[in-house]
Amino acid sequence: MKKYRCQKCGKVWYSSADLRICPECRGELEEANNKYYFTFGSSGQIYEGGWIEIYADSLKEAQEKFITRYGDKAYKRPGILNYSWNYTEEEFKKTIMCTGDNFGSKCHEVIK
């Protein structure tokens, strides 16, 4: 099933069919992936502080995109990815980072 978000009213719709028009307000729909936030600590990782945003259908897909983007730097050691923590968009919005920063840094990159 695909996830769609209306650009006009913001409602989310799920369908196995390709939807283009919002059934409620007739606004244009766009396919909506989930947004994941991968945060970084104060040292020893790809970035010092801050986070990256990754659009993906699942955490597993987000991690695969992270590995593709950063190659060998994606791993701290075999099997351990080189970031501090991952959050869904909903979880991230509940953190102080959402309105502030993380060790003095904010978003470094967006991966789609």
Foldseek 3Di string as FASTA:
>chain_A
DWWKAFPPPGDIDDDPDDDAADPPPRGGIDTAFWKKWFFADCDDAPDGTAIEIEGHNDVVVRLVQLCVVPPPSLASDPPHGRTDDMDTPVRVCPDPCVVPTTNPHYYDYYHD
